[in-house]
N, C-alpha and C. Protein backbone atom coordinates (compact mmCIF):
# COMPACT_ATOMS: atom_id res chain seq x y z
N MET A 1 -42.22 15.93 28.56
CA MET A 1 -43.10 14.81 28.26
C MET A 1 -42.34 13.86 27.34
N ASP A 2 -42.67 12.58 27.45
CA ASP A 2 -42.02 11.60 26.58
C ASP A 2 -42.78 11.50 25.26
N LEU A 3 -42.25 10.71 24.36
CA LEU A 3 -42.79 10.62 23.00
C LEU A 3 -44.22 10.08 23.00
N LYS A 4 -44.48 9.07 23.80
CA LYS A 4 -45.81 8.47 23.85
C LYS A 4 -46.83 9.49 24.38
N GLU A 5 -46.46 10.27 25.38
CA GLU A 5 -47.34 11.32 25.92
C GLU A 5 -47.59 12.40 24.87
N CYS A 6 -46.56 12.73 24.11
CA CYS A 6 -46.70 13.73 23.04
C CYS A 6 -47.74 13.27 22.03
N TYR A 7 -47.64 12.03 21.61
CA TYR A 7 -48.60 11.50 20.63
C TYR A 7 -50.01 11.43 21.21
N ALA A 8 -50.12 11.11 22.49
CA ALA A 8 -51.45 11.10 23.12
C ALA A 8 -52.04 12.51 23.13
N ARG A 9 -51.23 13.48 23.45
CA ARG A 9 -51.69 14.88 23.48
C ARG A 9 -52.14 15.33 22.10
N LEU A 10 -51.47 14.84 21.07
CA LEU A 10 -51.77 15.25 19.69
C LEU A 10 -52.83 14.37 19.03
N GLU A 11 -53.34 13.38 19.76
CA GLU A 11 -54.26 12.41 19.18
C GLU A 11 -53.62 11.77 17.95
N GLY A 12 -52.33 11.47 18.08
CA GLY A 12 -51.57 10.91 16.98
C GLY A 12 -51.54 9.39 17.01
N ASP A 13 -50.93 8.83 16.00
CA ASP A 13 -50.85 7.38 15.84
C ASP A 13 -49.45 6.92 16.23
N TYR A 14 -49.23 6.79 17.54
CA TYR A 14 -47.92 6.36 18.05
C TYR A 14 -47.56 4.98 17.54
N ALA A 15 -48.48 4.03 17.60
CA ALA A 15 -48.20 2.67 17.16
C ALA A 15 -47.85 2.65 15.67
N GLY A 16 -48.56 3.41 14.88
CA GLY A 16 -48.30 3.46 13.45
C GLY A 16 -46.93 4.02 13.11
N VAL A 17 -46.57 5.12 13.75
CA VAL A 17 -45.27 5.72 13.45
C VAL A 17 -44.14 4.83 13.95
N MET A 18 -44.35 4.15 15.07
CA MET A 18 -43.34 3.22 15.56
C MET A 18 -43.20 2.03 14.61
N GLY A 19 -44.30 1.62 14.02
CA GLY A 19 -44.25 0.54 13.04
C GLY A 19 -43.47 0.94 11.79
N ARG A 20 -43.56 2.21 11.42
CA ARG A 20 -42.84 2.68 10.23
C ARG A 20 -41.38 2.99 10.52
N LEU A 21 -41.12 3.70 11.60
CA LEU A 21 -39.75 4.17 11.87
C LEU A 21 -38.99 3.32 12.87
N ARG A 22 -39.68 2.46 13.61
CA ARG A 22 -39.11 1.40 14.45
C ARG A 22 -38.41 1.82 15.73
N GLN A 23 -37.89 3.02 15.83
CA GLN A 23 -37.13 3.44 17.01
C GLN A 23 -37.62 4.79 17.50
N GLU A 24 -37.82 4.90 18.82
CA GLU A 24 -38.26 6.18 19.39
C GLU A 24 -37.28 7.30 19.06
N GLU A 25 -36.00 7.02 19.07
CA GLU A 25 -35.00 8.05 18.77
C GLU A 25 -35.18 8.59 17.35
N ARG A 26 -35.49 7.70 16.43
CA ARG A 26 -35.70 8.11 15.04
C ARG A 26 -36.97 8.93 14.91
N VAL A 27 -38.03 8.48 15.57
CA VAL A 27 -39.29 9.22 15.53
C VAL A 27 -39.09 10.61 16.12
N ALA A 28 -38.45 10.67 17.27
CA ALA A 28 -38.21 11.97 17.93
C ALA A 28 -37.36 12.88 17.06
N LYS A 29 -36.36 12.32 16.39
CA LYS A 29 -35.50 13.11 15.51
C LYS A 29 -36.32 13.79 14.40
N PHE A 30 -37.14 13.00 13.72
CA PHE A 30 -37.93 13.55 12.62
C PHE A 30 -39.04 14.47 13.14
N LEU A 31 -39.59 14.15 14.28
CA LEU A 31 -40.62 15.00 14.87
C LEU A 31 -40.04 16.37 15.21
N ARG A 32 -38.83 16.39 15.75
CA ARG A 32 -38.19 17.66 16.11
C ARG A 32 -37.82 18.49 14.87
N LEU A 33 -37.69 17.86 13.73
CA LEU A 33 -37.42 18.58 12.48
C LEU A 33 -38.69 19.22 11.91
N PHE A 34 -39.84 18.70 12.29
CA PHE A 34 -41.10 19.16 11.72
C PHE A 34 -41.30 20.69 11.79
N PRO A 35 -41.04 21.35 12.93
CA PRO A 35 -41.26 22.81 12.98
C PRO A 35 -40.40 23.60 12.00
N GLN A 36 -39.32 23.01 11.50
CA GLN A 36 -38.45 23.70 10.55
C GLN A 36 -38.97 23.65 9.12
N ASP A 37 -39.93 22.76 8.88
CA ASP A 37 -40.51 22.63 7.55
C ASP A 37 -41.22 23.94 7.18
N GLU A 38 -41.02 24.41 5.98
CA GLU A 38 -41.54 25.72 5.57
C GLU A 38 -42.90 25.66 4.88
N ASN A 39 -43.49 24.48 4.78
CA ASN A 39 -44.74 24.36 4.03
C ASN A 39 -45.92 25.09 4.65
N PHE A 40 -45.97 25.20 5.98
CA PHE A 40 -47.09 25.93 6.58
C PHE A 40 -47.01 27.41 6.21
N ALA A 41 -45.83 27.99 6.31
CA ALA A 41 -45.66 29.40 5.92
C ALA A 41 -45.96 29.58 4.43
N LEU A 42 -45.53 28.62 3.64
CA LEU A 42 -45.79 28.66 2.20
C LEU A 42 -47.29 28.58 1.91
N LEU A 43 -47.99 27.72 2.65
CA LEU A 43 -49.44 27.61 2.49
C LEU A 43 -50.12 28.93 2.81
N THR A 44 -49.74 29.54 3.90
CA THR A 44 -50.32 30.82 4.30
C THR A 44 -50.12 31.86 3.20
N GLN A 45 -48.89 31.98 2.74
CA GLN A 45 -48.55 32.94 1.70
C GLN A 45 -49.32 32.65 0.41
N ALA A 46 -49.41 31.41 0.03
CA ALA A 46 -50.09 31.04 -1.21
C ALA A 46 -51.59 31.32 -1.13
N LEU A 47 -52.20 31.02 0.01
CA LEU A 47 -53.64 31.31 0.16
C LEU A 47 -53.89 32.81 0.11
N GLU A 48 -53.04 33.57 0.80
CA GLU A 48 -53.20 35.03 0.79
C GLU A 48 -53.08 35.58 -0.63
N GLY A 49 -52.20 34.99 -1.43
CA GLY A 49 -52.01 35.44 -2.80
C GLY A 49 -52.89 34.72 -3.82
N GLN A 50 -53.75 33.86 -3.33
CA GLN A 50 -54.63 33.06 -4.19
C GLN A 50 -53.86 32.30 -5.27
N ASP A 51 -52.70 31.82 -4.88
CA ASP A 51 -51.90 30.97 -5.76
C ASP A 51 -52.32 29.53 -5.45
N TRP A 52 -53.37 29.08 -6.10
CA TRP A 52 -53.99 27.80 -5.77
C TRP A 52 -53.07 26.60 -6.02
N PRO A 53 -52.32 26.56 -7.13
CA PRO A 53 -51.42 25.41 -7.31
C PRO A 53 -50.35 25.32 -6.21
N LEU A 54 -49.80 26.46 -5.82
CA LEU A 54 -48.79 26.47 -4.76
C LEU A 54 -49.43 26.10 -3.42
N ALA A 55 -50.61 26.61 -3.15
CA ALA A 55 -51.31 26.26 -1.92
C ALA A 55 -51.58 24.76 -1.86
N PHE A 56 -51.99 24.19 -2.99
CA PHE A 56 -52.24 22.75 -3.04
C PHE A 56 -50.96 21.97 -2.73
N ARG A 57 -49.86 22.34 -3.36
CA ARG A 57 -48.60 21.62 -3.13
C ARG A 57 -48.17 21.72 -1.67
N ALA A 58 -48.31 22.91 -1.09
CA ALA A 58 -47.90 23.11 0.31
C ALA A 58 -48.76 22.28 1.26
N VAL A 59 -50.07 22.34 1.10
CA VAL A 59 -50.95 21.61 2.02
C VAL A 59 -50.84 20.11 1.79
N HIS A 60 -50.61 19.69 0.55
CA HIS A 60 -50.41 18.28 0.26
C HIS A 60 -49.13 17.78 0.93
N SER A 61 -48.09 18.60 0.95
CA SER A 61 -46.84 18.24 1.62
C SER A 61 -47.05 18.14 3.13
N ILE A 62 -47.80 19.08 3.70
CA ILE A 62 -48.09 19.03 5.14
C ILE A 62 -48.82 17.73 5.46
N LYS A 63 -49.81 17.41 4.65
CA LYS A 63 -50.57 16.18 4.85
C LYS A 63 -49.65 14.95 4.79
N GLY A 64 -48.77 14.89 3.81
CA GLY A 64 -47.87 13.76 3.66
C GLY A 64 -46.93 13.59 4.84
N VAL A 65 -46.34 14.68 5.29
CA VAL A 65 -45.44 14.62 6.44
C VAL A 65 -46.22 14.22 7.69
N ALA A 66 -47.41 14.80 7.85
CA ALA A 66 -48.22 14.47 9.01
C ALA A 66 -48.61 12.99 9.02
N LEU A 67 -48.97 12.46 7.86
CA LEU A 67 -49.30 11.03 7.79
C LEU A 67 -48.08 10.16 8.12
N THR A 68 -46.93 10.51 7.58
CA THR A 68 -45.71 9.75 7.83
C THR A 68 -45.35 9.75 9.31
N LEU A 69 -45.53 10.90 9.96
CA LEU A 69 -45.17 11.03 11.37
C LEU A 69 -46.31 10.63 12.32
N GLY A 70 -47.43 10.20 11.77
CA GLY A 70 -48.53 9.77 12.62
C GLY A 70 -49.25 10.91 13.32
N LEU A 71 -49.20 12.09 12.75
CA LEU A 71 -49.88 13.26 13.31
C LEU A 71 -51.29 13.31 12.74
N THR A 72 -52.14 12.48 13.28
CA THR A 72 -53.44 12.19 12.71
C THR A 72 -54.34 13.42 12.57
N ARG A 73 -54.46 14.22 13.61
CA ARG A 73 -55.33 15.41 13.54
C ARG A 73 -54.87 16.35 12.43
N LEU A 74 -53.59 16.62 12.39
CA LEU A 74 -53.05 17.52 11.37
C LEU A 74 -53.20 16.91 9.98
N ALA A 75 -53.00 15.62 9.86
CA ALA A 75 -53.18 14.95 8.57
C ALA A 75 -54.64 15.08 8.11
N ASN A 76 -55.58 14.90 9.03
CA ASN A 76 -56.99 15.00 8.67
C ASN A 76 -57.38 16.42 8.27
N SER A 77 -56.96 17.41 9.04
CA SER A 77 -57.34 18.78 8.71
C SER A 77 -56.68 19.23 7.41
N SER A 78 -55.42 18.87 7.21
CA SER A 78 -54.75 19.27 5.97
C SER A 78 -55.32 18.48 4.78
N GLY A 79 -55.75 17.27 5.03
CA GLY A 79 -56.36 16.47 3.97
C GLY A 79 -57.65 17.09 3.44
N GLN A 80 -58.42 17.72 4.32
CA GLN A 80 -59.66 18.37 3.88
C GLN A 80 -59.36 19.52 2.92
N LEU A 81 -58.37 20.36 3.27
CA LEU A 81 -58.04 21.47 2.39
C LEU A 81 -57.37 20.97 1.11
N THR A 82 -56.61 19.89 1.22
CA THR A 82 -56.00 19.31 0.02
C THR A 82 -57.07 18.98 -1.02
N GLU A 83 -58.14 18.36 -0.57
CA GLU A 83 -59.20 17.97 -1.51
C GLU A 83 -59.95 19.18 -2.07
N VAL A 84 -60.11 20.22 -1.29
CA VAL A 84 -60.77 21.44 -1.78
C VAL A 84 -59.91 22.11 -2.85
N LEU A 85 -58.59 22.03 -2.69
CA LEU A 85 -57.68 22.70 -3.64
C LEU A 85 -57.25 21.81 -4.79
N ARG A 86 -57.53 20.53 -4.71
CA ARG A 86 -57.06 19.60 -5.75
C ARG A 86 -57.49 20.02 -7.16
N PRO A 87 -58.75 20.45 -7.37
CA PRO A 87 -59.14 20.80 -8.74
C PRO A 87 -58.64 22.18 -9.20
N GLY A 88 -57.98 22.92 -8.34
CA GLY A 88 -57.53 24.27 -8.70
C GLY A 88 -58.17 25.28 -7.78
N ALA A 89 -58.80 26.29 -8.37
CA ALA A 89 -59.46 27.31 -7.56
C ALA A 89 -60.55 26.66 -6.70
N PRO A 90 -60.56 26.97 -5.41
CA PRO A 90 -61.54 26.33 -4.53
C PRO A 90 -62.97 26.74 -4.85
N THR A 91 -63.88 25.80 -4.65
CA THR A 91 -65.31 26.08 -4.85
C THR A 91 -65.97 26.46 -3.54
N GLN A 92 -65.21 26.46 -2.46
CA GLN A 92 -65.70 26.91 -1.16
C GLN A 92 -64.60 27.74 -0.51
N ASP A 93 -64.98 28.51 0.48
CA ASP A 93 -64.03 29.36 1.19
C ASP A 93 -62.96 28.50 1.87
N PRO A 94 -61.69 28.64 1.50
CA PRO A 94 -60.65 27.79 2.09
C PRO A 94 -60.23 28.22 3.50
N TRP A 95 -60.59 29.42 3.91
CA TRP A 95 -60.08 29.95 5.18
C TRP A 95 -60.55 29.21 6.42
N PRO A 96 -61.80 28.75 6.53
CA PRO A 96 -62.14 27.95 7.72
C PRO A 96 -61.31 26.66 7.81
N LEU A 97 -61.04 26.04 6.68
CA LEU A 97 -60.21 24.84 6.67
C LEU A 97 -58.76 25.19 7.04
N TYR A 98 -58.29 26.31 6.54
CA TYR A 98 -56.94 26.77 6.88
C TYR A 98 -56.83 27.00 8.39
N ARG A 99 -57.84 27.64 8.98
CA ARG A 99 -57.79 27.92 10.42
C ARG A 99 -57.75 26.62 11.24
N ALA A 100 -58.43 25.58 10.77
CA ALA A 100 -58.36 24.29 11.46
C ALA A 100 -56.93 23.72 11.37
N ILE A 101 -56.32 23.83 10.20
CA ILE A 101 -54.94 23.39 10.04
C ILE A 101 -54.03 24.20 10.94
N GLN A 102 -54.23 25.50 10.95
CA GLN A 102 -53.40 26.38 11.78
C GLN A 102 -53.48 25.98 13.25
N GLU A 103 -54.67 25.70 13.73
CA GLU A 103 -54.84 25.28 15.12
C GLU A 103 -54.11 23.96 15.38
N ASP A 104 -54.29 22.99 14.50
CA ASP A 104 -53.62 21.70 14.66
C ASP A 104 -52.10 21.84 14.54
N TYR A 105 -51.66 22.66 13.61
CA TYR A 105 -50.23 22.89 13.41
C TYR A 105 -49.62 23.51 14.67
N ASN A 106 -50.26 24.55 15.20
CA ASN A 106 -49.74 25.22 16.39
C ASN A 106 -49.69 24.27 17.59
N LYS A 107 -50.72 23.44 17.77
CA LYS A 107 -50.72 22.45 18.85
C LYS A 107 -49.59 21.44 18.65
N THR A 108 -49.37 21.05 17.42
CA THR A 108 -48.31 20.08 17.12
C THR A 108 -46.95 20.66 17.45
N VAL A 109 -46.69 21.87 17.00
CA VAL A 109 -45.40 22.51 17.25
C VAL A 109 -45.19 22.71 18.75
N ALA A 110 -46.24 23.11 19.47
CA ALA A 110 -46.13 23.30 20.92
C ALA A 110 -45.82 21.98 21.62
N ALA A 111 -46.49 20.92 21.22
CA ALA A 111 -46.24 19.61 21.84
C ALA A 111 -44.83 19.13 21.55
N ILE A 112 -44.37 19.33 20.33
CA ILE A 112 -43.01 18.93 19.96
C ILE A 112 -42.01 19.71 20.82
N GLY A 113 -42.29 20.98 21.06
CA GLY A 113 -41.42 21.80 21.90
C GLY A 113 -41.36 21.30 23.34
N GLY A 114 -42.38 20.57 23.77
CA GLY A 114 -42.41 20.05 25.12
C GLY A 114 -41.83 18.66 25.28
N LEU A 115 -41.28 18.10 24.20
CA LEU A 115 -40.66 16.78 24.28
C LEU A 115 -39.43 16.80 25.15
N ASP A 116 -39.24 15.72 25.90
CA ASP A 116 -38.00 15.55 26.66
C ASP A 116 -36.83 15.49 25.68
N ASN A 117 -35.68 15.90 26.13
CA ASN A 117 -34.50 15.89 25.26
C ASN A 117 -33.77 14.56 25.27
N GLY A 118 -34.38 13.53 25.83
CA GLY A 118 -33.72 12.23 25.94
C GLY A 118 -33.62 11.56 24.69
């Protein structure tokens, strides 16, 4: 699939990311680097260990990268958990929000894996 199809599949902001990065080659380069980012694994580990400051930093980083790359669904789901963790210990169960991020993250990584190598 080409880059535009990938963004359509992900309900992403193709026009926005093209406005920021200007070239499809550049967008594809950074998009292909996304699965190597360790913040999702860090988020999982931090939530399991109830390390709320670390979980906040990890999910906030995911949100930032997702916004920069125009990954709208992932940015929205990670943004919800970011706000729950912002004050420290969550006042609601973080796991349903984590599962939404996990689903969006897995879809994102799968779509990136299906990008043409052009």
